[in-house]
């Protein structure tokens, strides 16, 4: 039960923060007398795009160690 209440509180806090920064704008368009009130929500528009770029990527080479002789073998 505490987890559910914590999640609800986090969601409410997130909506309040988004409204504060103007990302979400909620306006009441019809008063609720007999029917339920109507609301209109304007949210920020996010556009995504792609861009082709050439990126330099470092190359890595791995060399296996040579055969060790008995004199050089670690203890």
Protein backbone atom coordinates (compact mmCIF):
# COMPACT_ATOMS: atom_id res chain seq x y z
CA UNK A 1 0.00 0.00 0.00
CA UNK A 2 2.84 2.39 0.82
CA UNK A 3 4.48 1.63 -2.50
CA UNK A 4 1.31 2.50 -4.39
CA UNK A 5 0.91 5.75 -2.47
CA UNK A 6 4.55 6.60 -3.10
CA UNK A 7 4.15 6.02 -6.83
CA UNK A 8 1.01 8.18 -6.94
CA UNK A 9 2.84 10.94 -5.05
CA UNK A 10 5.79 10.79 -7.48
CA UNK A 11 3.45 11.02 -10.49
CA UNK A 12 1.60 13.99 -8.99
CA UNK A 13 4.89 15.71 -8.18
CA UNK A 14 6.09 15.08 -11.75
CA UNK A 15 2.94 16.61 -13.24
CA UNK A 16 3.27 19.66 -10.97
CA UNK A 17 6.90 20.15 -12.03
CA UNK A 18 6.00 19.81 -15.73
CA UNK A 19 3.19 22.36 -15.28
CA UNK A 20 5.55 24.73 -13.48
CA UNK A 21 8.03 24.70 -16.37
CA UNK A 22 5.26 25.15 -18.94
CA UNK A 23 5.62 21.77 -20.58
CA UNK A 24 2.01 20.90 -19.70
CA UNK A 25 -0.80 23.46 -19.70
CA UNK A 26 -4.26 22.34 -18.54
CA UNK A 27 -7.26 24.66 -19.03
CA UNK A 28 -10.87 24.03 -18.03
CA UNK A 29 -13.07 24.63 -21.10
CA UNK A 30 -16.52 23.84 -19.62
CA UNK A 31 -17.87 24.25 -16.11
CA UNK A 32 -19.21 21.12 -14.45
CA UNK A 33 -22.80 21.82 -13.39
CA UNK A 34 -24.83 18.80 -14.48
CA UNK A 35 -22.22 17.22 -16.71
CA UNK A 36 -18.60 16.56 -15.96
CA UNK A 37 -16.30 19.51 -16.66
CA UNK A 38 -14.16 19.46 -19.80
CA UNK A 39 -10.45 20.15 -19.84
CA UNK A 40 -8.02 20.84 -22.65
CA UNK A 41 -4.36 19.95 -22.19
CA UNK A 42 -1.62 21.51 -24.31
CA UNK A 43 1.66 19.67 -24.03
CA UNK A 44 5.09 20.46 -25.41
CA UNK A 45 5.87 19.13 -28.87
CA UNK A 46 9.03 17.10 -29.25
CA UNK A 47 10.50 16.51 -32.68
CA UNK A 48 13.13 13.91 -33.37
CA UNK A 49 15.41 13.76 -36.37
CA UNK A 50 18.47 12.03 -37.65
CA UNK A 51 21.73 13.46 -38.88
CA UNK A 52 24.56 11.73 -40.74
CA UNK A 53 28.02 12.43 -39.34
CA UNK A 54 31.45 10.91 -39.74
CA UNK A 55 32.98 10.01 -36.39
CA UNK A 56 36.58 8.93 -35.87
CA UNK A 57 36.65 5.65 -33.97
CA UNK A 58 39.91 4.45 -32.40
CA UNK A 59 41.25 1.10 -33.51
CA UNK A 60 42.42 -1.51 -31.04
CA UNK A 61 44.86 -4.30 -31.76
CA UNK A 62 45.53 -7.22 -29.45
CA UNK A 63 48.74 -9.20 -29.68
CA UNK A 64 49.01 -12.58 -28.03
CA UNK A 65 52.14 -13.03 -25.94
CA UNK A 66 54.85 -15.17 -27.53
CA UNK A 67 55.80 -18.61 -26.30
CA UNK A 68 57.64 -18.35 -22.98
CA UNK A 69 60.76 -20.32 -22.30
CA UNK A 70 61.34 -22.15 -19.01
CA UNK A 71 63.79 -19.48 -17.83
CA UNK A 72 61.20 -16.72 -18.27
CA UNK A 73 58.19 -18.61 -16.92
CA UNK A 74 56.67 -17.01 -13.82
CA UNK A 75 56.68 -18.96 -10.54
